[in-house]
Amino acid sequence: MTPPVGRFAPTPSGQLHLGNALCAMLAYLSVRAQGGTFLLRIEDVDVPRCPPRLARQCLEDLAWLGLRWDAPPLYQSQRGDVYAAHAEELTRRGLTYPCFCTRAALHAEAAPNLGDTQQVYRGTCAFLSPEEIASLSRLRRPALRLRVPDEEYTFTDRLCGAVRENLKRECGDFVLRRSDGLWGYQLAVVVDDALSGVTEVVRGRDILTATPRQLYLQRLFGFPQPEYCHIPLLTDAFGRRLAKRAHDTGLTALREHASPEAVLGLLSQACGLQEEAAPVSMEALIPLFDWEKVKEKGDTLRLSAQWCGNTENKPSEKYLEEKA
């Protein structure tokens, strides 16, 4: 059996928090336990939201945690020409169209919602005439959408089991390039995973429903399908999901108060690799890694109360000293 190629692909729009660290740890351990290759990709395609200083901080935090990647990091902000070439291929095949809908117009549509942020696109711009496109282009730069079939895409996730989605009914034609010229997540991640030879994708469960769209793109380009593992999201002691926008405790802040072994001990207990939050190194966790242990923890992974809160509400020094 060929050793896998895995990756961790953070978006440097803020400090990495403990939920990001958990995903990085599990992606790393899964690959290393199988003797595989580990890659790092910086998903900074949204350049205005991802300044270089945060990307540098991300690399420092991951190295401090104990991750070692086997090739130089890949930066999406430097790969616009690659994404453009693949989008052009789809356009030549008649699979894309310009979309002039504003964000306000999309929110105003009476389309069914999927969660808080995903809305089914109703195809408002799907059949504009050349004259209409020319007229609208003088007023607004369009996004680029991919036509999707009325077809169900299914895959088996290592932790979640069978996942199904009908692209037409539950997603709609989705964006490949935004109206501001920035490339969309779906296109960039599919192209980068394939061209980097990634065979195993470990990421948060919040991306689970996006995967069928990526399967469709993989089929269109003739790319192989990686194996997917969408891990439970890490929450605080009250069940609230950790998020950068909520200023939850970042790794950079924790580095001032805790050792990497203490952080890994906390995370390994949360996901079931250790019974106690005993300090442990990344390398020492490799022989302990088992996806079945993670699966047994269920759909929610919670931190202890001492480790919750934002950067102004750090764990107590006494607690950190005990765990260091």
Foldseek 3Di string as FASTA:
>chain_A
DDQFEFEQEDELLFFAALLSVLLVLQRQLVRVLRVHAYAYEYACLVVVSHDPVSVVVNVVLNVQLPDDHDDPYHYLVPCLVVLVVLVVVCVVVVFKDWDLDDPVNQVPDPFDDDPDPATADPCPPVDDDPVRVVVSVVVFQTFMWGADDQDKDWDQAPQPGIDIDRCNRHHYTDTQAHRVGGGDPLSSVLSVCQVVRGQEYEEAPVCVVVVSVNVVSCVVVVGDDHHYHHAAFEDEPVQHGDDRVQQKAGSVLVVVQAHSQQSVLQSCCQQQLDVGSARDGSVRSSVSDDVVRNSVNPRYGYGYNQPTDHSVRHRDSVVRVVRD
